[in-house]
C-alpha atoms as a PDB file:
ATOM      1  CA  MET A   1     114.143 122.172  67.710  1.00  0.00           C
ATOM      2  CA  GLU A   2     115.826 125.538  68.025  1.00  0.00           C
ATOM      3  CA  SER A   3     116.754 126.436  71.567  1.00  0.00           C
ATOM      4  CA  PRO A   4     114.310 128.917  73.163  1.00  0.00           C
ATOM      5  CA  PHE A   5     116.911 129.707  75.810  1.00  0.00           C
ATOM      6  CA  ALA A   6     119.521 132.356  75.152  1.00  0.00           C
ATOM      7  CA  PRO A   7     122.995 131.815  76.658  1.00  0.00           C
ATOM      8  CA  PRO A   8     123.774 134.123  79.579  1.00  0.00           C
ATOM      9  CA  LYS A   9     125.895 137.195  79.028  1.00  0.00           C
ATOM     10  CA  ASN A  10     128.952 137.531  81.213  1.00  0.00           C
ATOM     11  CA  HIS A  11     128.932 141.005  82.756  1.00  0.00           C
ATOM     12  CA  PHE A  12     132.520 140.735  83.934  1.00  0.00           C
ATOM     13  CA  ALA A  13     134.535 141.350  80.799  1.00  0.00           C
ATOM     14  CA  ALA A  14     138.269 140.850  80.942  1.00  0.00           C
ATOM     15  CA  ASN A  15     138.933 144.595  80.855  1.00  0.00           C
ATOM     16  CA  GLU A  16     136.168 145.556  83.282  1.00  0.00           C
ATOM     17  CA  LYS A  17     137.165 146.745  86.734  1.00  0.00           C
ATOM     18  CA  PRO A  18     134.986 146.451  89.859  1.00  0.00           C
ATOM     19  CA  PRO A  19     133.649 149.697  91.346  1.00  0.00           C
ATOM     20  CA  LYS A  20     135.995 151.701  93.530  1.00  0.00           C
ATOM     21  CA  SER A  21     133.802 151.064  96.582  1.00  0.00           C
ATOM     22  CA  TYR A  22     134.333 147.307  96.199  1.00  0.00           C
ATOM     23  CA  ARG A  23     138.089 147.682  95.835  1.00  0.00           C
ATOM     24  CA  GLU A  24     138.199 149.890  98.923  1.00  0.00           C
ATOM     25  CA  LEU A  25     136.211 147.378 100.967  1.00  0.00           C
ATOM     26  CA  VAL A  26     138.328 144.447  99.792  1.00  0.00           C
ATOM     27  CA  SER A  27     141.497 146.312 100.794  1.00  0.00           C
ATOM     28  CA  THR A  28     140.282 146.381 104.421  1.00  0.00           C
ATOM     29  CA  LEU A  29     139.470 142.661 104.653  1.00  0.00           C
ATOM     30  CA  PRO A  30     141.655 140.045 106.368  1.00  0.00           C
ATOM     31  CA  ARG A  31     143.715 138.192 103.781  1.00  0.00           C
ATOM     32  CA  THR A  32     145.878 135.117 103.542  1.00  0.00           C
ATOM     33  CA  LYS A  33     147.908 133.365 100.898  1.00  0.00           C
ATOM     34  CA  GLY A  34     145.711 131.528  98.417  1.00  0.00           C
ATOM     35  CA  TRP A  35     146.070 128.012  97.051  1.00  0.00           C
ATOM     36  CA  ASN A  36     147.582 129.332  93.858  1.00  0.00           C
ATOM     37  CA  ALA A  37     150.501 131.702  93.499  1.00  0.00           C
ATOM     38  CA  LYS A  38     148.491 134.403  91.744  1.00  0.00           C
ATOM     39  CA  ASP A  39     145.852 135.639  94.204  1.00  0.00           C
ATOM     40  CA  ASP A  40     145.324 135.940  97.936  1.00  0.00           C
ATOM     41  CA  LEU A  41     142.141 134.877  99.709  1.00  0.00           C
ATOM     42  CA  TYR A  42     139.991 137.508 101.431  1.00  0.00           C
ATOM     43  CA  HIS A  43     137.756 136.921 104.459  1.00  0.00           C
ATOM     44  CA  TYR A  44     134.266 138.296 103.819  1.00  0.00           C
ATOM     45  CA  GLN A  45     131.104 137.611 105.837  1.00  0.00           C
ATOM     46  CA  GLY A  46     132.589 134.516 107.441  1.00  0.00           C
ATOM     47  CA  PHE A  47     134.109 132.904 104.330  1.00  0.00           C
ATOM     48  CA  TRP A  48     137.300 133.080 102.265  1.00  0.00           C
ATOM     49  CA  PHE A  49     137.104 134.172  98.628  1.00  0.00           C
ATOM     50  CA  TYR A  50     139.372 134.956  95.733  1.00  0.00           C
ATOM     51  CA  PRO A  51     138.972 138.606  94.654  1.00  0.00           C
ATOM     52  CA  THR A  52     137.369 137.761  91.300  1.00  0.00           C
ATOM     53  CA  PHE A  53     134.526 135.877  92.973  1.00  0.00           C
ATOM     54  CA  LEU A  54     134.314 138.439  95.757  1.00  0.00           C
ATOM     55  CA  ASP A  55     133.704 141.265  93.275  1.00  0.00           C
ATOM     56  CA  GLY A  56     130.864 139.256  91.744  1.00  0.00           C
ATOM     57  CA  ILE A  57     129.329 138.445  95.129  1.00  0.00           C
ATOM     58  CA  MET A  58     129.342 142.096  96.201  1.00  0.00           C
ATOM     59  CA  SER A  59     127.850 143.170  92.892  1.00  0.00           C
ATOM     60  CA  ALA A  60     125.161 140.475  93.067  1.00  0.00           C
ATOM     61  CA  GLN A  61     124.284 141.584  96.599  1.00  0.00           C
ATOM     62  CA  ASP A  62     123.752 145.112  95.297  1.00  0.00           C
ATOM     63  CA  HIS A  63     122.049 144.442  91.974  1.00  0.00           C
ATOM     64  CA  PHE A  64     120.597 140.950  91.586  1.00  0.00           C
ATOM     65  CA  ARG A  65     116.823 140.673  91.993  1.00  0.00           C
ATOM     66  CA  ALA A  66     115.364 137.203  92.383  1.00  0.00           C
ATOM     67  CA  GLN A  67     112.127 136.371  90.569  1.00  0.00           C
ATOM     68  CA  PRO A  68     109.210 134.366  92.035  1.00  0.00           C
ATOM     69  CA  LEU A  69     109.736 131.366  89.742  1.00  0.00           C
ATOM     70  CA  ASP A  70     113.517 131.150  90.128  1.00  0.00           C
ATOM     71  CA  ILE A  71     115.041 127.754  90.858  1.00  0.00           C
ATOM     72  CA  LEU A  72     118.392 128.315  92.547  1.00  0.00           C
ATOM     73  CA  ILE A  73     120.980 125.524  92.397  1.00  0.00           C
ATOM     74  CA  CYS A  74     123.281 126.077  95.381  1.00  0.00           C
ATOM     75  CA  SER A  75     126.487 124.093  95.748  1.00  0.00           C
ATOM     76  CA  THR A  76     130.063 124.355  96.930  1.00  0.00           C
ATOM     77  CA  LEU A  77     133.025 124.380  94.573  1.00  0.00           C
ATOM     78  CA  ARG A  78     134.149 121.033  93.165  1.00  0.00           C
ATOM     79  CA  ASN A  79     131.107 119.245  94.545  1.00  0.00           C
ATOM     80  CA  GLY A  80     129.342 117.940  91.448  1.00  0.00           C
ATOM     81  CA  THR A  81     127.899 121.264  90.255  1.00  0.00           C
ATOM     82  CA  THR A  82     128.394 120.459  86.563  1.00  0.00           C
ATOM     83  CA  TRP A  83     126.508 117.179  86.897  1.00  0.00           C
ATOM     84  CA  LEU A  84     123.797 118.777  89.047  1.00  0.00           C
ATOM     85  CA  LYS A  85     123.303 121.516  86.446  1.00  0.00           C
ATOM     86  CA  ALA A  86     123.005 118.959  83.653  1.00  0.00           C
ATOM     87  CA  LEU A  87     120.384 116.976  85.578  1.00  0.00           C
ATOM     88  CA  ALA A  88     118.371 120.081  86.477  1.00  0.00           C
ATOM     89  CA  PHE A  89     118.519 121.482  82.937  1.00  0.00           C
ATOM     90  CA  ALA A  90     117.429 118.167  81.417  1.00  0.00           C
ATOM     91  CA  ILE A  91     114.449 117.962  83.791  1.00  0.00           C
ATOM     92  CA  VAL A  92     113.259 121.554  83.374  1.00  0.00           C
ATOM     93  CA  THR A  93     113.651 121.602  79.571  1.00  0.00           C
ATOM     94  CA  ARG A  94     112.440 118.074  78.847  1.00  0.00           C
ATOM     95  CA  ASN A  95     109.431 119.427  76.897  1.00  0.00           C
ATOM     96  CA  SER A  96     111.504 121.990  74.990  1.00  0.00           C
ATOM     97  CA  PHE A  97     113.970 119.706  73.222  1.00  0.00           C
ATOM     98  CA  ASP A  98     114.084 116.345  71.535  1.00  0.00           C
ATOM     99  CA  ASP A  99     116.943 114.201  72.805  1.00  0.00           C
ATOM    100  CA  PRO A 100     119.158 114.874  69.746  1.00  0.00           C
ATOM    101  CA  THR A 101     118.640 118.658  70.011  1.00  0.00           C
ATOM    102  CA  SER A 102     119.380 119.182  73.698  1.00  0.00           C
ATOM    103  CA  PRO A 103     121.946 121.965  74.263  1.00  0.00           C
ATOM    104  CA  LEU A 104     123.668 119.601  76.690  1.00  0.00           C
ATOM    105  CA  LEU A 105     125.015 117.705  73.668  1.00  0.00           C
ATOM    106  CA  SER A 106     126.871 120.750  72.352  1.00  0.00           C
ATOM    107  CA  THR A 107     127.215 123.127  75.313  1.00  0.00           C
ATOM    108  CA  ILE A 108     128.773 122.734  78.740  1.00  0.00           C
ATOM    109  CA  PRO A 109     126.093 122.874  81.487  1.00  0.00           C
ATOM    110  CA  HIS A 110     127.658 126.059  82.914  1.00  0.00           C
ATOM    111  CA  GLU A 111     126.622 127.912  79.748  1.00  0.00           C
ATOM    112  CA  CYS A 112     123.098 126.512  79.946  1.00  0.00           C
ATOM    113  CA  ILE A 113     122.538 127.720  83.514  1.00  0.00           C
ATOM    114  CA  PRO A 114     124.070 131.087  84.518  1.00  0.00           C
ATOM    115  CA  PHE A 115     125.976 131.745  87.721  1.00  0.00           C
ATOM    116  CA  VAL A 116     124.482 134.557  89.806  1.00  0.00           C
ATOM    117  CA  GLU A 117     127.873 135.870  90.941  1.00  0.00           C
ATOM    118  CA  MET A 118     129.501 135.717  87.500  1.00  0.00           C
ATOM    119  CA  ASP A 119     126.896 135.991  84.756  1.00  0.00           C
ATOM    120  CA  LEU A 120     124.167 138.012  86.486  1.00  0.00           C
ATOM    121  CA  SER A 121     126.036 139.949  89.147  1.00  0.00           C
ATOM    122  CA  HIS A 122     125.245 143.341  87.592  1.00  0.00           C
ATOM    123  CA  GLY A 123     121.517 142.688  87.585  1.00  0.00           C
ATOM    124  CA  SER A 124     118.890 140.468  86.027  1.00  0.00           C
ATOM    125  CA  SER A 125     118.394 142.300  82.729  1.00  0.00           C
ATOM    126  CA  ALA A 126     120.445 139.781  80.728  1.00  0.00           C
ATOM    127  CA  ARG A 127     118.470 136.808  81.975  1.00  0.00           C
ATOM    128  CA  ASP A 128     116.417 134.691  79.637  1.00  0.00           C
ATOM    129  CA  PRO A 129     112.879 134.980  81.067  1.00  0.00           C
ATOM    130  CA  GLU A 130     112.105 131.451  79.871  1.00  0.00           C
ATOM    131  CA  MET A 131     114.913 129.907  81.942  1.00  0.00           C
ATOM    132  CA  PRO A 132     114.121 129.703  85.693  1.00  0.00           C
ATOM    133  CA  LEU A 133     117.347 127.883  86.608  1.00  0.00           C
ATOM    134  CA  LEU A 134     120.193 129.772  88.250  1.00  0.00           C
ATOM    135  CA  SER A 135     123.358 128.539  89.918  1.00  0.00           C
ATOM    136  CA  THR A 136     125.550 129.887  92.697  1.00  0.00           C
ATOM    137  CA  HIS A 137     128.481 129.052  94.938  1.00  0.00           C
ATOM    138  CA  ILE A 138     127.609 131.964  97.246  1.00  0.00           C
ATOM    139  CA  PRO A 139     127.213 130.862 100.903  1.00  0.00           C
ATOM    140  CA  PHE A 140     123.638 131.152 102.142  1.00  0.00           C
ATOM    141  CA  SER A 141     124.333 134.050 104.500  1.00  0.00           C
ATOM    142  CA  SER A 142     125.894 136.076 101.668  1.00  0.00           C
ATOM    143  CA  LEU A 143     123.155 135.588  99.073  1.00  0.00           C
ATOM    144  CA  PRO A 144     121.517 138.731  97.641  1.00  0.00           C
ATOM    145  CA  LYS A 145     118.843 140.243  99.869  1.00  0.00           C
ATOM    146  CA  SER A 146     116.173 139.565  97.255  1.00  0.00           C
ATOM    147  CA  VAL A 147     116.769 135.861  97.919  1.00  0.00           C
ATOM    148  CA  LEU A 148     117.193 135.981 101.696  1.00  0.00           C
ATOM    149  CA  GLU A 149     114.374 138.443 102.369  1.00  0.00           C
ATOM    150  CA  SER A 150     111.800 137.161  99.891  1.00  0.00           C
ATOM    151  CA  GLY A 151     110.039 135.225 102.640  1.00  0.00           C
ATOM    152  CA  ALA A 152     109.690 132.244 100.296  1.00  0.00           C
ATOM    153  CA  VAL A 153     111.530 129.813 102.575  1.00  0.00           C
ATOM    154  CA  GLU A 154     109.508 130.839 105.610  1.00  0.00           C
ATOM    155  CA  LYS A 155     106.239 130.528 103.669  1.00  0.00           C
ATOM    156  CA  ILE A 156     107.133 127.050 102.424  1.00  0.00           C
ATOM    157  CA  VAL A 157     108.193 125.896 105.892  1.00  0.00           C
ATOM    158  CA  LYS A 158     104.974 127.243 107.398  1.00  0.00           C
ATOM    159  CA  MET A 159     102.747 125.775 104.686  1.00  0.00           C
ATOM    160  CA  CYS A 160     104.361 122.327 104.873  1.00  0.00           C
ATOM    161  CA  SER A 161     104.978 122.146 108.615  1.00  0.00           C
ATOM    162  CA  PHE A 162     103.584 119.208 110.554  1.00  0.00           C
ATOM    163  CA  GLU A 163     101.608 121.581 112.764  1.00  0.00           C
ATOM    164  CA  ASN A 164      99.886 123.230 109.809  1.00  0.00           C
ATOM    165  CA  LEU A 165      99.173 120.124 107.736  1.00  0.00           C
ATOM    166  CA  SER A 166      97.995 117.986 110.645  1.00  0.00           C
ATOM    167  CA  ASN A 167      95.610 120.693 111.882  1.00  0.00           C
ATOM    168  CA  LEU A 168      93.918 121.436 108.572  1.00  0.00           C
ATOM    169  CA  GLU A 169      90.280 120.408 108.668  1.00  0.00           C
ATOM    170  CA  VAL A 170      90.613 118.484 105.408  1.00  0.00           C
ATOM    171  CA  ASN A 171      93.375 116.358 106.941  1.00  0.00           C
ATOM    172  CA  LYS A 172      91.525 115.798 110.218  1.00  0.00           C
ATOM    173  CA  THR A 173      88.114 114.814 108.893  1.00  0.00           C
ATOM    174  CA  GLY A 174      88.406 114.418 105.119  1.00  0.00           C
ATOM    175  CA  LYS A 175      88.799 111.363 102.925  1.00  0.00           C
ATOM    176  CA  HIS A 176      90.404 110.674  99.578  1.00  0.00           C
ATOM    177  CA  ARG A 177      89.802 107.977  96.961  1.00  0.00           C
ATOM    178  CA  GLN A 178      86.143 108.226  97.954  1.00  0.00           C
ATOM    179  CA  ASP A 179      85.003 106.971  94.554  1.00  0.00           C
ATOM    180  CA  THR A 180      86.889 103.700  94.953  1.00  0.00           C
ATOM    181  CA  GLN A 181      86.352 100.569  97.009  1.00  0.00           C
ATOM    182  CA  MET A 182      89.114 101.686  99.372  1.00  0.00           C
ATOM    183  CA  PRO A 183      88.342 105.207 100.639  1.00  0.00           C
ATOM    184  CA  ILE A 184      91.036 106.379 103.048  1.00  0.00           C
ATOM    185  CA  GLN A 185      90.751 108.749 105.987  1.00  0.00           C
ATOM    186  CA  ASN A 186      93.218 111.588 105.528  1.00  0.00           C
ATOM    187  CA  ASN A 187      94.169 111.599 109.204  1.00  0.00           C
ATOM    188  CA  VAL A 188      95.864 108.195 108.959  1.00  0.00           C
ATOM    189  CA  PHE A 189      98.809 109.934 107.264  1.00  0.00           C
ATOM    190  CA  PHE A 190      99.474 112.189 110.252  1.00  0.00           C
ATOM    191  CA  TRP A 191     100.829 110.832 113.523  1.00  0.00           C
ATOM    192  CA  LYS A 192     101.002 112.843 116.714  1.00  0.00           C
ATOM    193  CA  GLY A 193     104.516 114.026 115.991  1.00  0.00           C
ATOM    194  CA  LYS A 194     105.677 113.082 119.491  1.00  0.00           C
ATOM    195  CA  ILE A 195     108.673 111.014 120.563  1.00  0.00           C
ATOM    196  CA  GLY A 196     107.645 107.705 122.113  1.00  0.00           C
ATOM    197  CA  ASP A 197     104.250 107.485 120.412  1.00  0.00           C
ATOM    198  CA  TRP A 198     105.182 103.942 119.381  1.00  0.00           C
ATOM    199  CA  LYS A 199     104.150 102.805 122.854  1.00  0.00           C
ATOM    200  CA  ASN A 200     100.526 103.406 121.883  1.00  0.00           C
ATOM    201  CA  TYR A 201     100.768 100.947 118.990  1.00  0.00           C
ATOM    202  CA  LEU A 202     103.402  98.327 119.855  1.00  0.00           C
ATOM    203  CA  THR A 203     103.529  95.850 122.711  1.00  0.00           C
ATOM    204  CA  PRO A 204     106.834  95.536 124.630  1.00  0.00           C
ATOM    205  CA  GLU A 205     107.440  92.230 122.864  1.00  0.00           C
ATOM    206  CA  MET A 206     106.933  93.798 119.424  1.00  0.00           C
ATOM    207  CA  ALA A 207     109.261  96.678 120.307  1.00  0.00           C
ATOM    208  CA  ALA A 208     111.936  94.279 121.577  1.00  0.00           C
ATOM    209  CA  ARG A 209     111.751  92.265 118.365  1.00  0.00           C
ATOM    210  CA  LEU A 210     112.146  95.403 116.247  1.00  0.00           C
ATOM    211  CA  ASP A 211     115.119  96.432 118.390  1.00  0.00           C
ATOM    212  CA  ARG A 212     116.800  93.072 117.782  1.00  0.00           C
ATOM    213  CA  ILE A 213     116.230  93.297 114.028  1.00  0.00           C
ATOM    214  CA  THR A 214     117.493  96.887 113.916  1.00  0.00           C
ATOM    215  CA  GLU A 215     120.596  96.005 115.920  1.00  0.00           C
ATOM    216  CA  GLN A 216     121.259  93.032 113.671  1.00  0.00           C
ATOM    217  CA  LYS A 217     120.954  95.083 110.485  1.00  0.00           C
ATOM    218  CA  LEU A 218     122.541  98.365 111.610  1.00  0.00           C
ATOM    219  CA  GLY A 219     124.662  97.465 114.634  1.00  0.00           C
ATOM    220  CA  ASN A 220     127.948  98.033 112.793  1.00  0.00           C
ATOM    221  CA  SER A 221     126.848 101.173 110.958  1.00  0.00           C
ATOM    222  CA  GLY A 222     128.091 103.617 113.593  1.00  0.00           C
ATOM    223  CA  LEU A 223     124.584 104.909 114.279  1.00  0.00           C
ATOM    224  CA  ASN A 224     123.611 105.496 117.905  1.00  0.00           C
ATOM    225  CA  LEU A 225     120.481 103.365 118.147  1.00  0.00           C
ATOM    226  CA  VAL A 226     118.627 104.744 121.155  1.00  0.00           C
ATOM    227  CA  ARG A 227     114.931 104.057 121.671  1.00  0.00           C
ATOM    228  CA  HIS A 228     112.797 106.735 123.342  1.00  0.00           C
END
């Protein structure tokens, strides 16, 4: 199958210079000697960056616009990003390619999934609309406003919170598998969400036995096993 996904276009050509406003801002930032002999590190919004990445981050903050169906792969440098990209790409495109035709067999994962701060920092116009996956090394607090201020995280947290799910009428009084011999009350999947609720279900002897088993299995793990 021919790939329906176009490779990202790199907006930072070798001869392209960052805007003057970026250069002026960078010149005012705290700096220190970098890990290589070529470039210094600059302190920006709580983190240290090389100037090449910093230009891309500033540009992405100004121009990148997140889309509702975006899937953002966030990771630190040298932390398995290449592998994570390959896994994500294989999952998302599993219906688009036969195994022998997957771009992963002929293209490095970084070319299959664009970096926000390098490939899309000047905007989203070069994006393939069929590819929802994006990657970034940008720290959370420095992500473009369209990501931070979308409200998506807050909506997901609210929708999936214990308070919301446990108080929905369908989860308090409803049933599922009603057409089977084992209908189940939905409320059995929601506890009270309170520390110490085990006392309402376990006798002291049962709790003591569980404590002994837990200590036996995990006593040398370094975990602080405190019962409330």
